Amino acid sequence: MVSNVNVESARLQDLSHDFYANYMKKESVSLKSKQQGYKYFSEGYFHDVSMFKEENSLISISAKSYRSQRKSEKPHALHLGVQNVDIKYANCTCQAGASASCSHIIGLMQALHEWQLMGFTEVPSQLSCTSMPQQWGVPRGDKIECVSVPELNIVNPKPDRKRKPIQNSLVDCR
């Protein structure tokens, strides 16, 4: 994809702001692919995103996307070529990737577009777990209230329960 002739790294500001909208107007992308692509972007499936500018004003973008089903297998490899507002090539290693409109490619284009809208000049790097605040002390939300043992009822939580609740028969001897 990337030729060895005068290749330099590119930035998000080198991409045209209209490449995503132009692609969506030209190609017939299904709503499901758009929704799945947005899900991949918002849940952080993309990593190792790199951009290179070639001498003919073609920006080659490569990335990897975690798999949605088989997490233990190697990630999908995505390649995208953008020249001005046109997508010159787009492919992915998934089964639908040869069509250039798989949900991974749509999600990568969505990610690039959103990063531009957020004002990033470069592709944001992924933070390691040691660079983020600790998560083990974050409260989970509403908790179960404490109840004394004599007030305890054991009930199946399903509304269509067949058995009636078991009443506690223990006596508080305090």
N, C-alpha and C. Protein backbone atom coordinates (compact mmCIF):
# COMPACT_ATOMS: atom_id res chain seq x y z
N MET A 1 0.81 -1.19 0.00
CA MET A 1 0.00 0.00 0.00
C MET A 1 0.86 1.26 0.00
N VAL A 2 1.85 1.29 0.86
CA VAL A 2 2.68 2.47 0.99
C VAL A 2 3.92 2.28 0.15
N SER A 3 4.17 3.19 -0.78
CA SER A 3 5.38 3.08 -1.59
C SER A 3 6.56 3.60 -0.81
N ASN A 4 7.76 3.20 -1.21
CA ASN A 4 8.97 3.59 -0.50
C ASN A 4 9.51 4.93 -0.97
N VAL A 5 8.83 5.62 -1.84
CA VAL A 5 9.31 6.87 -2.40
C VAL A 5 8.75 8.04 -1.60
N ASN A 6 9.62 8.80 -0.94
CA ASN A 6 9.25 10.01 -0.21
C ASN A 6 8.00 9.85 0.64
N VAL A 7 8.06 9.01 1.60
CA VAL A 7 6.94 8.80 2.51
C VAL A 7 7.24 9.53 3.80
N GLU A 8 6.32 10.38 4.23
CA GLU A 8 6.47 11.08 5.50
C GLU A 8 5.20 10.89 6.32
N SER A 9 5.31 11.08 7.61
CA SER A 9 4.13 10.87 8.43
C SER A 9 3.13 12.00 8.20
N ALA A 10 1.87 11.67 8.28
CA ALA A 10 0.80 12.63 8.05
C ALA A 10 0.08 12.91 9.36
N ARG A 11 -0.67 13.98 9.37
CA ARG A 11 -1.44 14.36 10.54
C ARG A 11 -2.91 14.43 10.16
N LEU A 12 -3.76 14.49 11.14
CA LEU A 12 -5.20 14.56 10.89
C LEU A 12 -5.58 15.83 10.12
N GLN A 13 -4.86 16.90 10.35
CA GLN A 13 -5.18 18.15 9.66
C GLN A 13 -4.84 18.08 8.17
N ASP A 14 -4.04 17.07 7.75
CA ASP A 14 -3.75 16.89 6.33
C ASP A 14 -4.93 16.29 5.58
N LEU A 15 -5.83 15.62 6.30
CA LEU A 15 -7.01 15.04 5.66
C LEU A 15 -8.05 16.13 5.39
N SER A 16 -8.74 16.00 4.31
CA SER A 16 -9.84 16.92 4.02
C SER A 16 -10.98 16.65 5.00
N HIS A 17 -11.65 17.69 5.43
CA HIS A 17 -12.76 17.51 6.37
C HIS A 17 -13.97 16.86 5.72
N ASP A 18 -14.01 16.84 4.39
CA ASP A 18 -15.18 16.34 3.68
C ASP A 18 -15.03 14.92 3.16
N PHE A 19 -13.92 14.23 3.46
CA PHE A 19 -13.73 12.90 2.87
C PHE A 19 -14.79 11.91 3.35
N TYR A 20 -15.19 12.02 4.63
CA TYR A 20 -16.16 11.08 5.19
C TYR A 20 -17.55 11.33 4.59
N ALA A 21 -17.98 12.58 4.55
CA ALA A 21 -19.29 12.92 4.00
C ALA A 21 -19.35 12.59 2.51
N ASN A 22 -18.27 12.85 1.80
CA ASN A 22 -18.21 12.57 0.37
C ASN A 22 -18.33 11.06 0.11
N TYR A 23 -17.67 10.26 0.94
CA TYR A 23 -17.74 8.80 0.79
C TYR A 23 -19.16 8.31 1.07
N MET A 24 -19.79 8.84 2.10
CA MET A 24 -21.14 8.40 2.46
C MET A 24 -22.16 8.78 1.38
N LYS A 25 -21.92 9.88 0.67
CA LYS A 25 -22.82 10.27 -0.41
C LYS A 25 -22.65 9.35 -1.62
N LYS A 26 -21.38 9.01 -1.93
CA LYS A 26 -21.10 8.21 -3.13
C LYS A 26 -21.49 6.75 -2.97
N GLU A 27 -21.09 6.14 -1.88
CA GLU A 27 -21.30 4.71 -1.68
C GLU A 27 -22.65 4.44 -1.03
N SER A 28 -23.18 3.29 -1.32
CA SER A 28 -24.42 2.89 -0.66
C SER A 28 -24.05 2.02 0.53
N VAL A 29 -23.98 2.63 1.67
CA VAL A 29 -23.60 1.94 2.90
C VAL A 29 -24.86 1.67 3.69
N SER A 30 -25.01 0.44 4.14
CA SER A 30 -26.22 0.09 4.88
C SER A 30 -26.23 0.74 6.26
N LEU A 31 -27.41 0.92 6.79
CA LEU A 31 -27.56 1.50 8.11
C LEU A 31 -26.89 0.63 9.16
N LYS A 32 -26.97 -0.69 8.99
CA LYS A 32 -26.36 -1.61 9.94
C LYS A 32 -24.85 -1.43 9.97
N SER A 33 -24.22 -1.25 8.80
CA SER A 33 -22.77 -1.03 8.75
C SER A 33 -22.39 0.29 9.42
N LYS A 34 -23.21 1.32 9.22
CA LYS A 34 -22.95 2.61 9.86
C LYS A 34 -23.05 2.49 11.38
N GLN A 35 -24.08 1.79 11.85
CA GLN A 35 -24.27 1.64 13.29
C GLN A 35 -23.16 0.79 13.90
N GLN A 36 -22.80 -0.30 13.23
CA GLN A 36 -21.74 -1.16 13.73
C GLN A 36 -20.40 -0.43 13.71
N GLY A 37 -20.15 0.35 12.66
CA GLY A 37 -18.92 1.14 12.57
C GLY A 37 -18.82 2.15 13.69
N TYR A 38 -19.94 2.82 13.98
CA TYR A 38 -19.93 3.78 15.08
C TYR A 38 -19.68 3.07 16.41
N LYS A 39 -20.23 1.89 16.57
CA LYS A 39 -20.01 1.11 17.79
C LYS A 39 -18.53 0.78 17.93
N TYR A 40 -17.89 0.36 16.83
CA TYR A 40 -16.46 0.05 16.88
C TYR A 40 -15.65 1.28 17.27
N PHE A 41 -16.02 2.45 16.72
CA PHE A 41 -15.31 3.68 17.07
C PHE A 41 -15.51 4.04 18.53
N SER A 42 -16.77 4.05 18.98
CA SER A 42 -17.06 4.52 20.33
C SER A 42 -16.55 3.58 21.41
N GLU A 43 -16.44 2.30 21.10
CA GLU A 43 -15.95 1.35 22.09
C GLU A 43 -14.44 1.13 22.01
N GLY A 44 -13.76 1.86 21.13
CA GLY A 44 -12.30 1.83 21.09
C GLY A 44 -11.71 0.58 20.48
N TYR A 45 -12.30 0.06 19.42
CA TYR A 45 -11.80 -1.14 18.78
C TYR A 45 -10.52 -0.88 17.97
N PHE A 46 -10.27 0.36 17.56
CA PHE A 46 -9.15 0.65 16.67
C PHE A 46 -7.89 0.97 17.45
N HIS A 47 -6.79 0.43 16.98
CA HIS A 47 -5.50 0.70 17.60
C HIS A 47 -4.42 0.64 16.53
N ASP A 48 -3.23 1.07 16.88
CA ASP A 48 -2.08 1.11 15.97
C ASP A 48 -2.43 1.86 14.68
N VAL A 49 -3.10 2.98 14.81
CA VAL A 49 -3.48 3.78 13.65
C VAL A 49 -2.26 4.60 13.22
N SER A 50 -1.87 4.48 11.96
CA SER A 50 -0.75 5.26 11.45
C SER A 50 -1.13 5.88 10.12
N MET A 51 -0.60 7.08 9.87
CA MET A 51 -0.91 7.82 8.65
C MET A 51 0.39 8.25 7.99
N PHE A 52 0.46 8.05 6.67
CA PHE A 52 1.64 8.45 5.91
C PHE A 52 1.21 9.23 4.69
N LYS A 53 1.95 10.28 4.39
CA LYS A 53 1.67 11.10 3.22
C LYS A 53 2.68 10.75 2.13
N GLU A 54 2.17 10.42 0.96
CA GLU A 54 3.04 10.12 -0.16
C GLU A 54 3.17 11.36 -1.03
N GLU A 55 4.09 11.33 -1.97
CA GLU A 55 4.37 12.54 -2.75
C GLU A 55 3.24 12.94 -3.70
N ASN A 56 2.35 12.04 -4.04
CA ASN A 56 1.24 12.40 -4.93
C ASN A 56 0.00 12.81 -4.14
N SER A 57 0.19 13.35 -2.95
CA SER A 57 -0.85 13.85 -2.02
C SER A 57 -1.83 12.76 -1.58
N LEU A 58 -1.42 11.52 -1.71
CA LEU A 58 -2.22 10.40 -1.21
C LEU A 58 -1.83 10.15 0.24
N ILE A 59 -2.82 10.08 1.10
CA ILE A 59 -2.56 9.77 2.51
C ILE A 59 -2.96 8.34 2.75
N SER A 60 -1.98 7.52 3.12
CA SER A 60 -2.21 6.11 3.40
C SER A 60 -2.42 5.93 4.89
N ILE A 61 -3.52 5.32 5.25
CA ILE A 61 -3.86 5.11 6.65
C ILE A 61 -3.95 3.61 6.88
N SER A 62 -3.28 3.14 7.91
CA SER A 62 -3.40 1.74 8.27
C SER A 62 -3.75 1.66 9.75
N ALA A 63 -4.50 0.66 10.10
CA ALA A 63 -4.95 0.48 11.49
C ALA A 63 -5.24 -0.98 11.73
N LYS A 64 -5.44 -1.30 12.98
CA LYS A 64 -5.88 -2.64 13.36
C LYS A 64 -7.15 -2.49 14.16
N SER A 65 -8.02 -3.47 14.03
CA SER A 65 -9.29 -3.45 14.74
C SER A 65 -9.45 -4.76 15.48
N TYR A 66 -9.75 -4.68 16.76
CA TYR A 66 -10.02 -5.89 17.52
C TYR A 66 -11.22 -6.60 16.91
N ARG A 67 -11.23 -7.89 17.01
CA ARG A 67 -12.37 -8.67 16.51
C ARG A 67 -13.53 -8.54 17.49
N SER A 68 -14.73 -8.58 16.97
CA SER A 68 -15.89 -8.47 17.86
C SER A 68 -16.31 -9.81 18.42
N GLN A 69 -16.04 -10.90 17.73
CA GLN A 69 -16.46 -12.22 18.20
C GLN A 69 -15.29 -13.02 18.77
N ARG A 70 -14.28 -13.27 17.98
CA ARG A 70 -13.15 -14.11 18.41
C ARG A 70 -12.03 -13.21 18.91
N LYS A 71 -12.10 -12.84 20.17
CA LYS A 71 -11.16 -11.89 20.72
C LYS A 71 -9.74 -12.42 20.79
N SER A 72 -9.56 -13.74 20.84
CA SER A 72 -8.22 -14.29 20.97
C SER A 72 -7.48 -14.35 19.64
N GLU A 73 -8.16 -14.21 18.52
CA GLU A 73 -7.50 -14.25 17.22
C GLU A 73 -6.88 -12.90 16.92
N LYS A 74 -5.98 -12.90 15.94
CA LYS A 74 -5.30 -11.65 15.62
C LYS A 74 -6.29 -10.63 15.04
N PRO A 75 -6.02 -9.34 15.28
CA PRO A 75 -6.97 -8.30 14.85
C PRO A 75 -7.02 -8.15 13.33
N HIS A 76 -8.10 -7.52 12.87
CA HIS A 76 -8.24 -7.22 11.45
C HIS A 76 -7.27 -6.10 11.08
N ALA A 77 -6.69 -6.18 9.89
CA ALA A 77 -5.82 -5.12 9.38
C ALA A 77 -6.63 -4.28 8.40
N LEU A 78 -6.62 -2.97 8.59
CA LEU A 78 -7.37 -2.06 7.74
C LEU A 78 -6.40 -1.14 7.00
N HIS A 79 -6.67 -0.90 5.72
CA HIS A 79 -5.86 0.00 4.91
C HIS A 79 -6.80 0.94 4.16
N LEU A 80 -6.45 2.20 4.15
CA LEU A 80 -7.30 3.22 3.57
C LEU A 80 -6.41 4.23 2.86
N GLY A 81 -6.78 4.63 1.66
CA GLY A 81 -6.05 5.65 0.92
C GLY A 81 -6.95 6.81 0.59
N VAL A 82 -6.58 8.01 1.05
CA VAL A 82 -7.40 9.20 0.86
C VAL A 82 -6.60 10.22 0.05
N GLN A 83 -7.17 10.70 -1.04
CA GLN A 83 -6.55 11.75 -1.83
C GLN A 83 -7.57 12.86 -2.00
N ASN A 84 -7.27 14.01 -1.42
CA ASN A 84 -8.19 15.14 -1.35
C ASN A 84 -9.48 14.70 -0.66
N VAL A 85 -10.62 14.65 -1.35
CA VAL A 85 -11.87 14.21 -0.71
C VAL A 85 -12.27 12.82 -1.17
N ASP A 86 -11.44 12.17 -1.99
CA ASP A 86 -11.79 10.86 -2.54
C ASP A 86 -11.07 9.74 -1.80
N ILE A 87 -11.78 8.64 -1.61
CA ILE A 87 -11.18 7.42 -1.07
C ILE A 87 -10.67 6.63 -2.27
N LYS A 88 -9.36 6.48 -2.38
CA LYS A 88 -8.78 5.77 -3.52
C LYS A 88 -8.84 4.26 -3.33
N TYR A 89 -8.59 3.79 -2.13
CA TYR A 89 -8.72 2.37 -1.83
C TYR A 89 -9.09 2.20 -0.37
N ALA A 90 -9.76 1.12 -0.09
CA ALA A 90 -10.15 0.78 1.28
C ALA A 90 -10.33 -0.72 1.34
N ASN A 91 -9.61 -1.37 2.22
CA ASN A 91 -9.81 -2.80 2.39
C ASN A 91 -9.54 -3.22 3.82
N CYS A 92 -10.09 -4.36 4.16
CA CYS A 92 -10.01 -4.90 5.51
C CYS A 92 -9.84 -6.41 5.38
N THR A 93 -9.29 -7.04 6.39
CA THR A 93 -9.08 -8.49 6.31
C THR A 93 -10.30 -9.29 6.76
N CYS A 94 -11.40 -8.62 7.08
CA CYS A 94 -12.62 -9.36 7.43
C CYS A 94 -13.26 -9.91 6.16
N GLN A 95 -14.30 -10.72 6.30
CA GLN A 95 -14.94 -11.33 5.15
C GLN A 95 -15.58 -10.32 4.20
N ALA A 96 -16.10 -9.24 4.75
CA ALA A 96 -16.75 -8.23 3.92
C ALA A 96 -15.79 -7.10 3.55
N GLY A 97 -14.52 -7.23 3.91
CA GLY A 97 -13.55 -6.15 3.74
C GLY A 97 -13.18 -5.81 2.32
N ALA A 98 -13.34 -6.72 1.39
CA ALA A 98 -12.99 -6.43 0.00
C ALA A 98 -13.96 -5.46 -0.65
N SER A 99 -15.14 -5.31 -0.08
CA SER A 99 -16.16 -4.43 -0.67
C SER A 99 -15.89 -2.95 -0.38
N ALA A 100 -14.93 -2.65 0.47
CA ALA A 100 -14.57 -1.27 0.85
C ALA A 100 -15.66 -0.57 1.63
N SER A 101 -16.68 -1.27 2.04
CA SER A 101 -17.70 -0.63 2.87
C SER A 101 -18.09 -1.52 4.04
N CYS A 102 -17.12 -2.28 4.55
CA CYS A 102 -17.41 -3.09 5.74
C CYS A 102 -17.50 -2.16 6.95
N SER A 103 -18.03 -2.65 8.02
CA SER A 103 -18.26 -1.81 9.19
C SER A 103 -16.94 -1.36 9.84
N HIS A 104 -15.86 -2.13 9.67
CA HIS A 104 -14.57 -1.72 10.22
C HIS A 104 -14.04 -0.48 9.50
N ILE A 105 -14.13 -0.48 8.16
CA ILE A 105 -13.68 0.67 7.37
C ILE A 105 -14.54 1.89 7.69
N ILE A 106 -15.86 1.69 7.77
CA ILE A 106 -16.76 2.80 8.10
C ILE A 106 -16.42 3.35 9.49
N GLY A 107 -16.15 2.45 10.43
CA GLY A 107 -15.79 2.88 11.79
C GLY A 107 -14.48 3.64 11.82
N LEU A 108 -13.48 3.20 11.04
CA LEU A 108 -12.20 3.90 10.99
C LEU A 108 -12.38 5.30 10.40
N MET A 109 -13.17 5.40 9.33
CA MET A 109 -13.42 6.72 8.75
C MET A 109 -14.18 7.60 9.74
N GLN A 110 -15.13 7.02 10.46
CA GLN A 110 -15.88 7.75 11.49
C GLN A 110 -14.92 8.24 12.58
N ALA A 111 -13.99 7.38 12.98
CA ALA A 111 -13.02 7.75 14.02
C ALA A 111 -12.16 8.92 13.55
N LEU A 112 -11.64 8.84 12.33
CA LEU A 112 -10.82 9.93 11.80
C LEU A 112 -11.61 11.24 11.73
N HIS A 113 -12.85 11.14 11.28
CA HIS A 113 -13.71 12.32 11.18
C HIS A 113 -13.99 12.92 12.56
N GLU A 114 -14.32 12.08 13.51
CA GLU A 114 -14.62 12.55 14.87
C GLU A 114 -13.38 13.17 15.52
N TRP A 115 -12.21 12.57 15.31
CA TRP A 115 -10.98 13.13 15.87
C TRP A 115 -10.70 14.51 15.27
N GLN A 116 -11.01 14.68 13.98
CA GLN A 116 -10.86 16.00 13.37
C GLN A 116 -11.82 17.00 14.01
N LEU A 117 -13.08 16.58 14.20
CA LEU A 117 -14.07 17.48 14.80
C LEU A 117 -13.71 17.85 16.24
N MET A 118 -13.04 16.95 16.94
CA MET A 118 -12.62 17.23 18.32
C MET A 118 -11.42 18.17 18.37
N GLY A 119 -10.82 18.44 17.21
CA GLY A 119 -9.69 19.36 17.18
C GLY A 119 -8.33 18.70 17.35
N PHE A 120 -8.28 17.39 17.29
CA PHE A 120 -6.98 16.71 17.39
C PHE A 120 -6.18 16.97 16.12
N THR A 121 -4.88 17.17 16.28
CA THR A 121 -4.03 17.32 15.10
C THR A 121 -3.36 16.01 14.75
N GLU A 122 -3.25 15.12 15.72
CA GLU A 122 -2.66 13.80 15.50
C GLU A 122 -3.62 12.74 16.02
N VAL A 123 -3.38 11.53 15.58
CA VAL A 123 -4.19 10.41 16.06
C VAL A 123 -3.90 10.23 17.54
N PRO A 124 -4.92 10.20 18.39
CA PRO A 124 -4.67 10.06 19.83
C PRO A 124 -4.10 8.69 20.16
N SER A 125 -3.14 8.69 21.05
CA SER A 125 -2.54 7.42 21.45
C SER A 125 -3.43 6.78 22.52
N GLN A 126 -3.34 5.47 22.61
CA GLN A 126 -4.13 4.78 23.63
C GLN A 126 -3.40 4.86 24.95
N LEU A 127 -4.14 5.18 25.98
CA LEU A 127 -3.55 5.29 27.31
C LEU A 127 -3.41 3.92 27.93
N SER A 128 -2.31 3.71 28.61
CA SER A 128 -2.14 2.45 29.34
C SER A 128 -2.94 2.55 30.63
N CYS A 129 -3.14 1.41 31.27
CA CYS A 129 -3.95 1.40 32.49
C CYS A 129 -3.24 2.15 33.62
N THR A 130 -1.91 2.29 33.54
CA THR A 130 -1.20 3.03 34.59
C THR A 130 -1.27 4.54 34.37
N SER A 131 -1.70 4.98 33.19
CA SER A 131 -1.83 6.41 32.91
C SER A 131 -3.20 6.95 33.26
N MET A 132 -4.13 6.07 33.56
CA MET A 132 -5.49 6.49 33.89
C MET A 132 -5.71 6.36 35.39
N PRO A 133 -6.71 7.07 35.93
CA PRO A 133 -7.00 6.93 37.36
C PRO A 133 -7.43 5.50 37.71
N GLN A 134 -7.17 5.13 38.94
CA GLN A 134 -7.52 3.77 39.37
C GLN A 134 -9.03 3.55 39.29
N GLN A 135 -9.42 2.32 39.02
CA GLN A 135 -10.83 2.00 38.82
C GLN A 135 -11.42 1.12 39.92
N TRP A 136 -10.58 0.56 40.79
CA TRP A 136 -11.12 -0.40 41.75
C TRP A 136 -11.92 0.26 42.87
N GLY A 137 -11.75 1.56 43.09
CA GLY A 137 -12.48 2.22 44.17
C GLY A 137 -13.71 2.96 43.69
N VAL A 138 -14.02 2.86 42.42
CA VAL A 138 -15.18 3.56 41.88
C VAL A 138 -16.45 2.84 42.30
N PRO A 139 -17.41 3.53 42.93
CA PRO A 139 -18.63 2.85 43.37
C PRO A 139 -19.45 2.33 42.20
N ARG A 140 -20.14 1.25 42.42
CA ARG A 140 -20.94 0.61 41.38
C ARG A 140 -22.32 1.22 41.23
N GLY A 141 -22.70 2.06 42.14
CA GLY A 141 -24.03 2.64 42.06
C GLY A 141 -24.87 2.22 43.25
N ASP A 142 -26.18 2.10 43.06
CA ASP A 142 -27.08 1.72 44.15
C ASP A 142 -26.72 0.33 44.66
N LYS A 143 -26.68 0.22 45.97
CA LYS A 143 -26.34 -1.06 46.58
C LYS A 143 -27.57 -1.63 47.28
N ILE A 144 -27.50 -2.89 47.61
CA ILE A 144 -28.58 -3.55 48.33
C ILE A 144 -28.54 -3.11 49.78
N GLU A 145 -29.69 -2.71 50.29
CA GLU A 145 -29.75 -2.26 51.68
C GLU A 145 -29.64 -3.44 52.63
N CYS A 146 -29.03 -3.18 53.76
CA CYS A 146 -28.89 -4.22 54.78
C CYS A 146 -30.24 -4.49 55.44
N VAL A 147 -30.48 -5.76 55.73
CA VAL A 147 -31.72 -6.19 56.37
C VAL A 147 -31.34 -7.19 57.45
N SER A 148 -31.98 -7.13 58.59
CA SER A 148 -31.68 -8.12 59.63
C SER A 148 -32.20 -9.49 59.20
N VAL A 149 -31.62 -10.52 59.76
CA VAL A 149 -31.94 -11.89 59.34
C VAL A 149 -33.41 -12.24 59.53
N PRO A 150 -34.09 -11.86 60.61
CA PRO A 150 -35.51 -12.22 60.73
C PRO A 150 -36.39 -11.59 59.65
N GLU A 151 -35.97 -10.48 59.06
CA GLU A 151 -36.76 -9.83 58.03
C GLU A 151 -36.46 -10.36 56.63
N LEU A 152 -35.53 -11.28 56.52
CA LEU A 152 -35.07 -11.77 55.24
C LEU A 152 -36.09 -12.70 54.59
N ASN A 153 -36.40 -12.46 53.31
CA ASN A 153 -37.25 -13.33 52.52
C ASN A 153 -36.44 -13.81 51.32
N ILE A 154 -36.56 -15.08 51.00
CA ILE A 154 -35.84 -15.64 49.85
C ILE A 154 -36.86 -15.83 48.74
N VAL A 155 -36.63 -15.10 47.63
CA VAL A 155 -37.59 -15.06 46.54
C VAL A 155 -36.86 -15.20 45.22
N ASN A 156 -37.48 -15.92 44.30
CA ASN A 156 -36.97 -15.97 42.94
C ASN A 156 -37.25 -14.61 42.30
N PRO A 157 -36.24 -13.96 41.70
CA PRO A 157 -36.46 -12.60 41.19
C PRO A 157 -37.33 -12.53 39.94
N LYS A 158 -37.62 -13.64 39.31
CA LYS A 158 -38.43 -13.61 38.09
C LYS A 158 -39.90 -13.36 38.44
N PRO A 159 -40.61 -12.60 37.63
CA PRO A 159 -42.02 -12.30 37.94
C PRO A 159 -42.93 -13.51 37.78
N ASP A 160 -42.54 -14.50 36.99
CA ASP A 160 -43.39 -15.67 36.78
C ASP A 160 -42.95 -16.85 37.66
N ARG A 161 -42.66 -16.55 38.92
CA ARG A 161 -42.18 -17.60 39.82
C ARG A 161 -43.32 -18.57 40.16
N LYS A 162 -42.93 -19.83 40.30
CA LYS A 162 -43.93 -20.87 40.56
C LYS A 162 -44.07 -21.16 42.05
N ARG A 163 -43.01 -20.91 42.78
CA ARG A 163 -43.06 -21.15 44.22
C ARG A 163 -43.27 -19.83 44.96
N LYS A 164 -43.92 -19.93 46.10
CA LYS A 164 -44.09 -18.71 46.88
C LYS A 164 -42.82 -18.46 47.70
N PRO A 165 -42.58 -17.23 48.11
CA PRO A 165 -41.33 -16.90 48.82
C PRO A 165 -41.17 -17.70 50.10
N ILE A 166 -39.90 -17.98 50.40
CA ILE A 166 -39.58 -18.70 51.64
C ILE A 166 -39.43 -17.66 52.74
N GLN A 167 -40.22 -17.83 53.79
CA GLN A 167 -40.15 -16.90 54.92
C GLN A 167 -39.11 -17.40 55.90
N ASN A 168 -38.39 -16.49 56.49
CA ASN A 168 -37.36 -16.84 57.44
C ASN A 168 -38.02 -17.32 58.75
N SER A 169 -37.53 -18.44 59.26
CA SER A 169 -38.10 -18.98 60.50
C SER A 169 -37.14 -18.82 61.68
N LEU A 170 -36.04 -18.11 61.47
CA LEU A 170 -35.09 -17.90 62.56
C LEU A 170 -35.61 -16.80 63.49
N VAL A 171 -35.32 -16.94 64.76
CA VAL A 171 -35.76 -15.99 65.74
C VAL A 171 -34.56 -15.20 66.22
N ASP A 172 -34.72 -13.90 66.33
CA ASP A 172 -33.63 -13.04 66.81
C ASP A 172 -33.58 -13.16 68.33
N CYS A 173 -32.51 -13.75 68.84
CA CYS A 173 -32.38 -14.03 70.28
C CYS A 173 -31.53 -12.99 70.99
N ARG A 174 -31.39 -11.83 70.44
CA ARG A 174 -30.54 -10.82 71.08
C ARG A 174 -31.23 -10.18 72.23
